[in-house]
Structures are given as C-alpha cells and as structure tokens.
Amino acid sequence: METFYLVLVLFLLLNLAAGMWRVLLGPTAADRMMAAQLFGTTAVAVLLLLGQVEGRSALHDVAFVFALLSAVTAVAFVRRAWSEQEKKHDSK
C-alpha cells in the first residue's frame, strides 16, 4: 500500500509541474489564482499521503494549516478582484 501512496504523490507532483506552466503563461490573474489553488490543494494531498505512509501525525497538522492558508488566499484574491472591478464600474 505504501508503494501506491508514493505513486500518488509522484502523480500529484507532476500535476504541480503542469500548474506551474499555467502560472507562468496564464493569460489572466484568475488563471494564475486557480493554479495557486491547485498548489495549495496538491500540497495538502501530498502531506496527507506522506503522513499516512510515514505514520507521522505532524504532517497531517501541517496539511490542515496549508488548507486553511489556501482558503484564506482565495478569499483575499476574490475580495481584491471584486474591489478592483467595482472601482472600474464606478469610474464609468
């Protein structure tokens, strides 16, 4: 079962490489933010899998902190994008 978990971790790390492609070449800020959300979600999944393989509950705790930070980052981005959109709308 450990081998299966490690193969999943490798697959998730390859997904991060694909996400980096989107961050570098994303045409809009929203594309880049979605890739950043992919990084957060993938980091959580990798840490949970590694915590399961190694039997370390501390990795689970770190994964939950990353999940919280990822959610806060998404909220901050939406609030910033929303306020910029309202400023553009009000100036017209």
C-alpha atoms as a PDB file:
ATOM      1  CA  MET A   1       0.000   0.000   0.000  1.00  0.00           C
ATOM      2  CA  GLU A   2       2.923   2.336   0.676  1.00  0.00           C
ATOM      3  CA  THR A   3       4.020   1.992  -2.936  1.00  0.00           C
ATOM      4  CA  PHE A   4       0.562   3.032  -4.110  1.00  0.00           C
ATOM      5  CA  TYR A   5       0.661   6.120  -1.889  1.00  0.00           C
ATOM      6  CA  LEU A   6       4.104   7.061  -3.154  1.00  0.00           C
ATOM      7  CA  VAL A   7       2.952   6.675  -6.770  1.00  0.00           C
ATOM      8  CA  LEU A   8       0.058   9.004  -5.960  1.00  0.00           C
ATOM      9  CA  VAL A   9       2.494  11.528  -4.504  1.00  0.00           C
ATOM     10  CA  LEU A  10       4.564  11.369  -7.687  1.00  0.00           C
ATOM     11  CA  PHE A  11       1.433  11.906  -9.788  1.00  0.00           C
ATOM     12  CA  LEU A  12       0.475  14.908  -7.677  1.00  0.00           C
ATOM     13  CA  LEU A  13       3.938  16.387  -8.055  1.00  0.00           C
ATOM     14  CA  LEU A  14       3.609  16.054 -11.829  1.00  0.00           C
ATOM     15  CA  ASN A  15       0.329  17.952 -11.550  1.00  0.00           C
ATOM     16  CA  LEU A  16       2.243  20.725  -9.805  1.00  0.00           C
ATOM     17  CA  ALA A  17       4.536  20.947 -12.807  1.00  0.00           C
ATOM     18  CA  ALA A  18       1.507  21.382 -15.046  1.00  0.00           C
ATOM     19  CA  GLY A  19       0.173  24.039 -12.667  1.00  0.00           C
ATOM     20  CA  MET A  20       3.474  25.919 -12.846  1.00  0.00           C
ATOM     21  CA  TRP A  21       3.027  26.071 -16.607  1.00  0.00           C
ATOM     22  CA  ARG A  22      -0.329  27.810 -16.071  1.00  0.00           C
ATOM     23  CA  VAL A  23       1.152  30.232 -13.529  1.00  0.00           C
ATOM     24  CA  LEU A  24       3.885  31.269 -15.930  1.00  0.00           C
ATOM     25  CA  LEU A  25       1.719  31.536 -19.046  1.00  0.00           C
ATOM     26  CA  GLY A  26      -1.773  32.140 -17.660  1.00  0.00           C
ATOM     27  CA  PRO A  27      -3.480  34.874 -19.639  1.00  0.00           C
ATOM     28  CA  THR A  28      -5.426  36.274 -16.688  1.00  0.00           C
ATOM     29  CA  ALA A  29      -4.960  36.756 -12.972  1.00  0.00           C
ATOM     30  CA  ALA A  30      -7.830  34.321 -12.379  1.00  0.00           C
ATOM     31  CA  ASP A  31      -5.940  31.577 -14.233  1.00  0.00           C
ATOM     32  CA  ARG A  32      -2.923  32.202 -12.075  1.00  0.00           C
ATOM     33  CA  MET A  33      -5.030  32.157  -8.920  1.00  0.00           C
ATOM     34  CA  MET A  34      -6.610  28.846  -9.888  1.00  0.00           C
ATOM     35  CA  ALA A  35      -3.116  27.416 -10.379  1.00  0.00           C
ATOM     36  CA  ALA A  36      -2.152  28.710  -6.941  1.00  0.00           C
ATOM     37  CA  GLN A  37      -5.221  26.961  -5.534  1.00  0.00           C
ATOM     38  CA  LEU A  38      -4.009  23.803  -7.276  1.00  0.00           C
ATOM     39  CA  PHE A  39      -0.691  24.188  -5.451  1.00  0.00           C
ATOM     40  CA  GLY A  40      -2.441  24.502  -2.103  1.00  0.00           C
ATOM     41  CA  THR A  41      -4.724  21.542  -2.695  1.00  0.00           C
ATOM     42  CA  THR A  42      -1.899  19.391  -4.006  1.00  0.00           C
ATOM     43  CA  ALA A  43       0.342  20.295  -1.075  1.00  0.00           C
ATOM     44  CA  VAL A  44      -2.399  19.217   1.304  1.00  0.00           C
ATOM     45  CA  ALA A  45      -2.874  15.920  -0.531  1.00  0.00           C
ATOM     46  CA  VAL A  46       0.877  15.206  -0.688  1.00  0.00           C
ATOM     47  CA  LEU A  47       1.321  15.931   3.021  1.00  0.00           C
ATOM     48  CA  LEU A  48      -1.640  13.762   3.974  1.00  0.00           C
ATOM     49  CA  LEU A  49      -0.338  10.873   1.872  1.00  0.00           C
ATOM     50  CA  LEU A  50       3.188  11.187   3.222  1.00  0.00           C
ATOM     51  CA  GLY A  51       1.843  11.416   6.755  1.00  0.00           C
ATOM     52  CA  GLN A  52      -0.072   8.205   6.160  1.00  0.00           C
ATOM     53  CA  VAL A  53       2.953   6.411   4.706  1.00  0.00           C
ATOM     54  CA  GLU A  54       5.358   7.527   7.435  1.00  0.00           C
ATOM     55  CA  GLY A  55       2.845   7.406  10.276  1.00  0.00           C
ATOM     56  CA  ARG A  56       3.516  10.973  11.369  1.00  0.00           C
ATOM     57  CA  SER A  57       0.507  12.906  12.532  1.00  0.00           C
ATOM     58  CA  ALA A  58       2.516  16.150  12.455  1.00  0.00           C
ATOM     59  CA  LEU A  59       2.335  16.060   8.655  1.00  0.00           C
ATOM     60  CA  HIS A  60      -1.448  15.921   8.918  1.00  0.00           C
ATOM     61  CA  ASP A  61      -1.384  19.030  11.093  1.00  0.00           C
ATOM     62  CA  VAL A  62       0.784  20.879   8.569  1.00  0.00           C
ATOM     63  CA  ALA A  63      -1.584  19.797   5.792  1.00  0.00           C
ATOM     64  CA  PHE A  64      -4.532  21.308   7.650  1.00  0.00           C
ATOM     65  CA  VAL A  65      -2.627  24.576   8.086  1.00  0.00           C
ATOM     66  CA  PHE A  66      -1.942  24.630   4.339  1.00  0.00           C
ATOM     67  CA  ALA A  67      -5.626  24.028   3.657  1.00  0.00           C
ATOM     68  CA  LEU A  68      -6.543  26.978   5.833  1.00  0.00           C
ATOM     69  CA  LEU A  69      -3.942  29.221   4.202  1.00  0.00           C
ATOM     70  CA  SER A  70      -5.136  28.196   0.758  1.00  0.00           C
ATOM     71  CA  ALA A  71      -8.711  29.124   1.610  1.00  0.00           C
ATOM     72  CA  VAL A  72      -7.653  32.490   3.070  1.00  0.00           C
ATOM     73  CA  THR A  73      -5.601  33.218  -0.047  1.00  0.00           C
ATOM     74  CA  ALA A  74      -8.590  32.526  -2.291  1.00  0.00           C
ATOM     75  CA  VAL A  75     -10.816  34.813  -0.235  1.00  0.00           C
ATOM     76  CA  ALA A  76      -8.194  37.578  -0.312  1.00  0.00           C
ATOM     77  CA  PHE A  77      -7.879  37.284  -4.090  1.00  0.00           C
ATOM     78  CA  VAL A  78     -11.631  37.434  -4.630  1.00  0.00           C
ATOM     79  CA  ARG A  79     -12.011  40.455  -2.343  1.00  0.00           C
ATOM     80  CA  ARG A  80      -9.205  42.265  -4.142  1.00  0.00           C
ATOM     81  CA  ALA A  81     -10.504  41.401  -7.601  1.00  0.00           C
ATOM     82  CA  TRP A  82     -14.043  42.353  -6.605  1.00  0.00           C
ATOM     83  CA  SER A  83     -12.986  45.770  -5.277  1.00  0.00           C
ATOM     84  CA  GLU A  84     -10.954  46.500  -8.427  1.00  0.00           C
ATOM     85  CA  GLN A  85     -13.943  45.566 -10.564  1.00  0.00           C
ATOM     86  CA  GLU A  86     -16.219  47.855  -8.542  1.00  0.00           C
ATOM     87  CA  LYS A  87     -13.725  50.736  -8.938  1.00  0.00           C
ATOM     88  CA  LYS A  88     -13.727  50.245 -12.713  1.00  0.00           C
ATOM     89  CA  HIS A  89     -17.520  50.105 -12.754  1.00  0.00           C
ATOM     90  CA  ASP A  90     -17.904  53.234 -10.608  1.00  0.00           C
ATOM     91  CA  SER A  91     -15.499  55.247 -12.787  1.00  0.00           C
ATOM     92  CA  LYS A  92     -17.628  54.709 -15.911  1.00  0.00           C
END
